[in-house]
Amino acid sequence: MSRIFISGSSTGLGLMAGELLAGQGHKVVLHARNPDRAEDARKAQPRAEAVVTGDVATIAGARDVAAQVNALGRFDAVIHNAGVGYREAYRPTADGLPHVFAINTLSTYILTALIERPGRLVYLSSGMHHQTDANLDDILWKERRWYGAQAYSETKLHDVMLAFAVARLWPGVFSNALEPGWVPTKMGGPGAPDDMRQAHLTQAWLAAGDDPKADVTGKYFYHLKRMDPNPQARDPKLQDRLIAICAEISGVAFPNE
């Protein structure tokens, strides 16, 4: 059985994946933004080994979450699930960053770089990443007028880029990305048309390590099936540039070895 950490797992797909994995006998550690959400997560998933608490919207908060995870010992897999949605207004964080970027892109980078390297990494993207550009020249929206859906789409492309960069730079790790579908979570909204019963299965499957078919890296999935990502996600130059930008903004170096 595996030991798995899931970021952003006090509600929604993260909690659902945690429930599924715990039910399969895996040891699961959840993550909540604040103590109230942590308590809700404990009640919802009493089989969880622990609940890490911290707000990844800030660089210091993401660093602290990574430190808490490392204090619990090494994990076999990490599911990067924390995120905010496409209907968000522009809100700067305490670090002066657009909070959609800070949570969806930068915190995912920080947790990847600082959590002791697991055997499996799983990154949640979105179908909206297919129709966008990485826009690394204006990643912080200093030149453009804010558009929440576009900002969200870009960050979900960044997540796939990061997954594929890890697959390239860390050959001993299975690193993959997926889209869960447009499902009626708090983020997706009540009118989302996709099947909620399918939305959490792929990330749990990729993280668990129970199926040799999941022993792949640098792949993109939708409902347990491979599909093609946005072509920009596979560009090593763009991947390296994204890593360099995130390292500069966060002050967290990416461990290439």
Protein backbone atom coordinates (compact mmCIF):
# COMPACT_ATOMS: atom_id res chain seq x y z
CA MET A 1 0.00 0.00 0.00
CA SER A 2 1.11 3.56 -0.71
CA ARG A 3 1.40 6.71 1.38
CA ILE A 4 -0.11 9.67 -0.45
CA PHE A 5 -0.33 13.41 0.22
CA ILE A 6 -3.08 15.42 -1.50
CA SER A 7 -2.95 19.20 -1.55
CA GLY A 8 -6.21 21.13 -1.41
CA SER A 9 -8.15 18.12 -0.14
CA SER A 10 -10.54 19.39 2.53
CA THR A 11 -13.42 19.38 0.02
CA GLY A 12 -14.21 18.51 -3.60
CA LEU A 13 -12.12 16.27 -5.82
CA GLY A 14 -9.16 16.18 -3.45
CA LEU A 15 -11.31 14.86 -0.62
CA MET A 16 -13.02 12.41 -2.95
CA ALA A 17 -9.67 11.05 -4.13
CA GLY A 18 -8.56 10.76 -0.52
CA GLU A 19 -11.68 8.84 0.43
CA LEU A 20 -11.21 6.44 -2.47
CA LEU A 21 -7.53 5.85 -1.72
CA ALA A 22 -8.12 5.38 2.01
CA GLY A 23 -10.89 2.93 1.20
CA GLN A 24 -8.39 0.95 -0.88
CA GLY A 25 -6.10 0.68 2.12
CA HIS A 26 -3.63 3.44 1.30
CA LYS A 27 -2.37 5.88 3.93
CA VAL A 28 -3.60 9.34 3.05
CA VAL A 29 -2.63 12.77 4.35
CA LEU A 30 -4.99 15.61 3.50
CA HIS A 31 -4.43 19.35 3.33
CA ALA A 32 -6.68 22.23 4.38
CA ARG A 33 -6.28 25.98 4.10
CA ASN A 34 -7.19 26.76 7.73
CA PRO A 35 -8.04 24.97 11.02
CA ASP A 36 -11.81 25.05 10.43
CA ARG A 37 -11.43 23.35 7.06
CA ALA A 38 -8.97 20.90 8.61
CA GLU A 39 -11.53 19.89 11.21
CA ASP A 40 -14.16 19.45 8.49
CA ALA A 41 -11.74 17.24 6.58
CA ARG A 42 -11.05 15.09 9.64
CA LYS A 43 -14.77 14.58 10.15
CA ALA A 44 -15.35 13.81 6.48
CA GLN A 45 -12.40 11.40 6.25
CA PRO A 46 -11.63 9.95 9.68
CA ARG A 47 -9.34 7.34 8.12
CA ALA A 48 -6.86 10.02 7.04
CA GLU A 49 -3.47 9.69 8.72
CA ALA A 50 -3.22 13.45 9.23
CA VAL A 51 -4.39 16.81 7.91
CA VAL A 52 -1.73 19.40 7.09
CA THR A 53 -2.95 22.98 7.57
CA GLY A 54 -1.69 26.04 5.70
CA ASP A 55 -2.61 28.61 3.07
CA VAL A 56 -0.61 28.06 -0.12
CA ALA A 57 -1.69 31.44 -1.50
CA THR A 58 1.52 32.93 -0.11
CA ILE A 59 5.10 31.87 -0.70
CA ALA A 60 5.68 31.52 3.03
CA GLY A 61 2.49 29.48 3.40
CA ALA A 62 3.43 27.09 0.61
CA ARG A 63 6.91 26.69 2.10
CA ASP A 64 5.37 25.92 5.48
CA VAL A 65 3.02 23.30 4.01
CA ALA A 66 5.97 21.60 2.33
CA ALA A 67 7.87 21.60 5.64
CA GLN A 68 4.90 20.06 7.45
CA VAL A 69 4.62 17.35 4.81
CA ASN A 70 8.33 16.55 5.04
CA ALA A 71 8.10 16.35 8.84
CA LEU A 72 5.66 13.47 8.41
CA GLY A 73 8.19 11.42 6.44
CA ARG A 74 8.52 10.42 2.82
CA PHE A 75 5.45 9.86 0.65
CA ASP A 76 5.10 7.43 -2.23
CA ALA A 77 2.95 9.89 -4.17
CA VAL A 78 1.80 13.50 -4.13
CA ILE A 79 -1.38 14.69 -5.84
CA HIS A 80 -1.23 18.42 -6.64
CA ASN A 81 -4.92 19.23 -6.39
CA ALA A 82 -5.01 22.67 -4.72
CA GLY A 83 -6.46 25.33 -6.97
CA VAL A 84 -8.97 28.11 -7.51
CA GLY A 85 -11.30 28.46 -10.45
CA TYR A 86 -11.97 30.36 -13.62
CA ARG A 87 -14.51 32.83 -12.24
CA GLU A 88 -12.07 34.55 -9.90
CA ALA A 89 -11.68 38.32 -9.83
CA TYR A 90 -8.20 39.80 -9.66
CA ARG A 91 -6.93 39.73 -6.09
CA PRO A 92 -3.30 40.30 -5.17
CA THR A 93 -1.82 38.08 -2.48
CA ALA A 94 0.35 39.31 0.39
CA ASP A 95 3.27 38.79 -2.00
CA GLY A 96 1.65 41.07 -4.60
CA LEU A 97 0.86 38.22 -7.00
CA PRO A 98 -2.43 37.41 -8.73
CA HIS A 99 -3.93 34.82 -6.40
CA VAL A 100 -4.96 32.52 -9.25
CA PHE A 101 -1.31 32.33 -10.33
CA ALA A 102 -0.06 32.13 -6.75
CA ILE A 103 -2.20 29.12 -5.91
CA ASN A 104 -2.53 27.26 -9.20
CA THR A 105 0.98 27.73 -10.56
CA LEU A 106 3.43 28.99 -7.96
CA SER A 107 2.36 26.92 -4.97
CA THR A 108 2.37 23.79 -7.14
CA TYR A 109 5.93 24.62 -8.16
CA ILE A 110 7.00 25.28 -4.55
CA LEU A 111 5.48 22.05 -3.25
CA THR A 112 7.07 20.11 -6.10
CA ALA A 113 10.48 21.60 -5.40
CA LEU A 114 10.42 21.34 -1.60
CA ILE A 115 8.54 18.14 -0.72
CA GLU A 116 10.90 15.19 -0.52
CA ARG A 117 10.78 13.57 -3.93
CA PRO A 118 8.09 10.87 -4.12
CA GLY A 119 7.88 8.06 -6.65
CA ARG A 120 4.75 9.51 -8.24
CA LEU A 121 3.52 13.02 -8.93
CA VAL A 122 0.05 13.82 -10.20
CA TYR A 123 -0.98 17.29 -11.41
CA LEU A 124 -4.59 18.37 -11.91
CA SER A 125 -5.13 20.48 -15.00
CA SER A 126 -8.29 21.40 -16.89
CA GLY A 127 -9.77 21.01 -20.32
CA MET A 128 -9.52 24.78 -20.54
CA HIS A 129 -5.74 24.50 -20.87
CA HIS A 130 -6.10 23.25 -24.45
CA GLN A 131 -7.18 26.61 -25.91
CA THR A 132 -4.68 28.97 -24.32
CA ASP A 133 -1.10 30.19 -24.43
CA ALA A 134 1.37 29.98 -21.55
CA ASN A 135 1.89 33.78 -21.80
CA LEU A 136 5.16 33.64 -19.87
CA ASP A 137 6.00 37.19 -20.95
CA ASP A 138 3.13 38.48 -18.79
CA ILE A 139 2.61 35.66 -16.34
CA LEU A 140 1.65 38.12 -13.57
CA TRP A 141 -0.86 40.07 -15.67
CA LYS A 142 0.96 43.37 -15.42
CA GLU A 143 0.40 44.30 -19.07
CA ARG A 144 -3.03 42.82 -19.76
CA ARG A 145 -6.50 43.57 -18.50
CA TRP A 146 -7.55 40.82 -16.09
CA TYR A 147 -9.72 38.04 -17.44
CA GLY A 148 -10.31 35.29 -14.89
CA ALA A 149 -11.06 32.48 -17.31
CA GLN A 150 -7.92 33.20 -19.29
CA ALA A 151 -5.79 33.46 -16.16
CA TYR A 152 -7.13 30.14 -14.92
CA SER A 153 -6.54 28.45 -18.28
CA GLU A 154 -2.95 29.65 -18.34
CA THR A 155 -2.25 28.30 -14.87
CA LYS A 156 -3.68 24.92 -15.81
CA LEU A 157 -1.34 24.85 -18.81
CA HIS A 158 1.51 25.75 -16.45
CA ASP A 159 0.63 22.72 -14.33
CA VAL A 160 0.94 20.38 -17.30
CA MET A 161 4.21 22.03 -18.30
CA LEU A 162 5.51 21.46 -14.79
CA ALA A 163 4.40 17.82 -14.80
CA PHE A 164 6.21 17.19 -18.07
CA ALA A 165 9.31 19.09 -16.94
CA VAL A 166 9.48 16.86 -13.87
CA ALA A 167 9.08 13.79 -16.06
CA ARG A 168 12.02 14.98 -18.16
CA LEU A 169 14.28 16.15 -15.33
CA TRP A 170 13.52 13.45 -12.74
CA PRO A 171 13.63 10.18 -14.71
CA GLY A 172 13.06 8.07 -11.60
CA VAL A 173 9.63 9.62 -10.96
CA PHE A 174 6.30 8.90 -12.64
CA SER A 175 4.99 12.44 -13.27
CA ASN A 176 1.70 12.90 -15.11
CA ALA A 177 -1.16 15.38 -15.53
CA LEU A 178 -4.87 15.03 -16.09
CA GLU A 179 -8.13 16.84 -16.52
CA PRO A 180 -11.01 15.66 -14.32
CA GLY A 181 -13.70 17.08 -16.58
CA TRP A 182 -16.01 20.01 -15.99
CA VAL A 183 -17.80 18.73 -12.93
CA PRO A 184 -20.22 20.35 -10.44
CA THR A 185 -17.78 21.10 -7.64
CA LYS A 186 -17.61 24.46 -5.88
CA MET A 187 -15.04 25.45 -8.52
CA GLY A 188 -16.91 24.05 -11.50
CA GLY A 189 -20.32 25.38 -10.55
CA PRO A 190 -23.70 23.62 -10.28
CA GLY A 191 -24.31 23.58 -14.04
CA ALA A 192 -21.16 21.64 -14.96
CA PRO A 193 -22.11 18.74 -17.26
CA ASP A 194 -19.46 16.06 -16.67
CA ASP A 195 -19.82 12.94 -14.52
CA MET A 196 -18.79 13.62 -10.93
CA ARG A 197 -18.42 9.88 -10.35
CA GLN A 198 -15.51 9.81 -12.82
CA ALA A 199 -13.79 13.04 -11.80
CA HIS A 200 -11.52 11.73 -9.03
CA LEU A 201 -10.68 8.29 -10.37
CA THR A 202 -7.72 9.12 -12.61
CA GLN A 203 -5.70 10.98 -10.01
CA ALA A 204 -6.23 8.20 -7.48
CA TRP A 205 -5.27 5.57 -10.07
CA LEU A 206 -2.08 7.38 -11.07
CA ALA A 207 -1.07 7.93 -7.44
CA ALA A 208 -1.83 4.50 -6.02
CA GLY A 209 0.68 2.48 -8.02
CA ASP A 210 -1.57 -0.58 -8.06
CA ASP A 211 -1.85 -0.90 -11.84
CA PRO A 212 1.18 -1.36 -14.16
CA LYS A 213 -0.72 0.67 -16.78
CA ALA A 214 -0.20 3.72 -14.54
CA ASP A 215 3.58 3.20 -14.51
CA VAL A 216 4.13 5.89 -17.13
CA THR A 217 5.55 9.40 -17.08
CA GLY A 218 5.05 12.59 -19.05
CA LYS A 219 1.51 11.63 -20.07
CA TYR A 220 -1.82 13.42 -19.99
CA PHE A 221 -5.10 11.72 -19.08
CA TYR A 222 -8.84 12.19 -19.07
CA HIS A 223 -11.00 9.58 -17.33
CA LEU A 224 -8.22 6.94 -17.24
CA LYS A 225 -7.41 7.37 -20.93
CA ARG A 226 -4.45 9.13 -22.49
CA MET A 227 -5.11 12.20 -24.57
CA ASP A 228 -3.01 14.89 -26.21
CA PRO A 229 -2.31 18.02 -24.15
CA ASN A 230 -1.78 21.54 -25.41
CA PRO A 231 1.40 21.22 -27.55
CA GLN A 232 3.09 24.02 -25.60
CA ALA A 233 3.17 21.73 -22.57
CA ARG A 234 5.74 19.51 -24.27
CA ASP A 235 8.15 22.31 -25.21
CA PRO A 236 11.31 21.91 -23.07
CA LYS A 237 12.31 25.55 -23.58
CA LEU A 238 8.96 26.77 -22.27
CA GLN A 239 9.12 24.29 -19.39
CA ASP A 240 12.58 25.49 -18.38
CA ARG A 241 11.53 29.12 -18.65
CA LEU A 242 8.48 28.51 -16.45
CA ILE A 243 10.67 26.84 -13.84
CA ALA A 244 13.13 29.74 -13.96
CA ILE A 245 10.32 32.29 -13.52
CA CYS A 246 8.81 30.41 -10.58
CA ALA A 247 12.22 29.98 -8.98
CA GLU A 248 12.94 33.71 -9.28
CA ILE A 249 9.56 34.78 -7.91
CA SER A 250 9.51 32.29 -5.02
CA GLY A 251 13.19 32.15 -4.15
CA VAL A 252 12.90 28.36 -4.24
CA ALA A 253 15.39 26.61 -6.51
CA PHE A 254 14.29 23.61 -8.51
CA PRO A 255 16.34 20.50 -7.66
CA ASN A 256 17.45 19.12 -11.03
CA GLU A 257 19.27 16.17 -9.49
